[in-house]
């Protein structure tokens, strides 16, 4: 489902800001113009990663590390990766 982007003047955006923010929370987008020139876009914010995403990422790294025996020389791995790059 595609939601049409509405164009509003800067004055209208100022006077209807609360309403525009509510609509933006619902997924609508707005283009704000002043004297016929586009000056801003009001779009829904991207969802932020929460602590659970970071926790899950760290758990994944720990699980991978447990499968690798012995010490790991990260610098050596990076250098090897550079040598075998697909230039």
Protein backbone atom coordinates (compact mmCIF):
# COMPACT_ATOMS: atom_id res chain seq x y z
CA UNK A 1 0.00 0.00 0.00
CA UNK A 2 1.52 3.29 -1.09
CA UNK A 3 0.76 6.41 0.95
CA UNK A 4 0.79 9.69 -0.98
CA UNK A 5 3.13 12.39 0.27
CA UNK A 6 1.27 15.60 0.97
CA UNK A 7 2.80 19.01 0.27
CA UNK A 8 2.25 21.76 2.84
CA UNK A 9 3.49 25.32 3.18
CA UNK A 10 5.87 26.26 5.99
CA UNK A 11 3.12 28.40 7.56
CA UNK A 12 0.64 25.51 7.40
CA UNK A 13 3.24 23.13 8.86
CA UNK A 14 3.81 25.54 11.74
CA UNK A 15 0.13 25.90 12.51
CA UNK A 16 -0.67 22.17 12.10
CA UNK A 17 2.53 20.70 13.55
CA UNK A 18 0.84 18.51 16.19
CA UNK A 19 -1.54 17.08 13.60
CA UNK A 20 1.27 16.50 11.08
CA UNK A 21 3.33 14.70 13.73
CA UNK A 22 0.39 12.41 14.58
CA UNK A 23 -0.07 11.60 10.90
CA UNK A 24 3.67 11.00 10.51
CA UNK A 25 3.55 8.52 13.41
CA UNK A 26 0.90 6.68 11.38
CA UNK A 27 3.26 6.44 8.42
CA UNK A 28 2.40 9.50 6.32
CA UNK A 29 5.04 11.81 4.87
CA UNK A 30 4.94 15.52 4.16
CA UNK A 31 6.98 17.85 1.97
CA UNK A 32 7.25 21.36 3.39
CA UNK A 33 7.78 24.26 1.02
CA UNK A 34 8.38 27.99 1.42
CA UNK A 35 7.67 30.38 -1.46
CA UNK A 36 7.24 27.40 -3.80
CA UNK A 37 10.62 25.88 -2.94
CA UNK A 38 10.97 22.56 -1.07
CA UNK A 39 12.78 23.16 2.23
CA UNK A 40 12.11 20.03 4.31
CA UNK A 41 10.55 16.59 4.46
CA UNK A 42 8.66 15.21 7.44
CA UNK A 43 8.94 11.42 7.35
CA UNK A 44 8.41 8.65 9.90
CA UNK A 45 11.50 7.95 12.00
CA UNK A 46 13.34 4.68 11.47
CA UNK A 47 12.91 2.24 14.31
CA UNK A 48 15.85 2.34 16.66
CA UNK A 49 17.65 -0.82 17.70
CA UNK A 50 16.95 -1.62 21.30
CA UNK A 51 19.23 -3.21 23.86
CA UNK A 52 17.83 -6.64 22.97
CA UNK A 53 19.24 -6.32 19.44
CA UNK A 54 22.68 -5.47 20.82
CA UNK A 55 22.45 -8.31 23.33
CA UNK A 56 21.52 -10.73 20.56
CA UNK A 57 24.45 -9.52 18.45
CA UNK A 58 26.94 -10.01 21.29
CA UNK A 59 25.56 -13.50 21.97
CA UNK A 60 26.06 -14.36 18.30
CA UNK A 61 29.69 -13.20 18.41
CA UNK A 62 30.31 -15.24 21.55
CA UNK A 63 28.78 -18.35 19.94
CA UNK A 64 31.03 -17.96 16.88
CA UNK A 65 34.09 -17.42 19.08
CA UNK A 66 33.39 -20.66 20.99
CA UNK A 67 33.59 -22.60 17.71
CA UNK A 68 37.10 -21.30 16.94
CA UNK A 69 39.79 -23.19 18.85
CA UNK A 70 42.85 -21.45 20.30
CA UNK A 71 43.86 -17.82 20.14
CA UNK A 72 42.73 -15.57 17.32
CA UNK A 73 45.05 -12.93 15.89
CA UNK A 74 42.59 -10.40 14.48
CA UNK A 75 45.29 -8.26 12.86
CA UNK A 76 46.61 -11.31 10.95
CA UNK A 77 43.08 -12.20 9.78
CA UNK A 78 42.52 -8.64 8.54
CA UNK A 79 45.82 -8.65 6.66
CA UNK A 80 44.99 -12.01 5.07
CA UNK A 81 41.60 -10.67 4.05
CA UNK A 82 43.25 -7.71 2.37
CA UNK A 83 45.59 -10.00 0.44
CA UNK A 84 42.69 -12.04 -0.90
CA UNK A 85 40.40 -9.10 -1.73
CA UNK A 86 38.58 -9.15 -5.06
CA UNK A 87 40.34 -6.19 -6.67
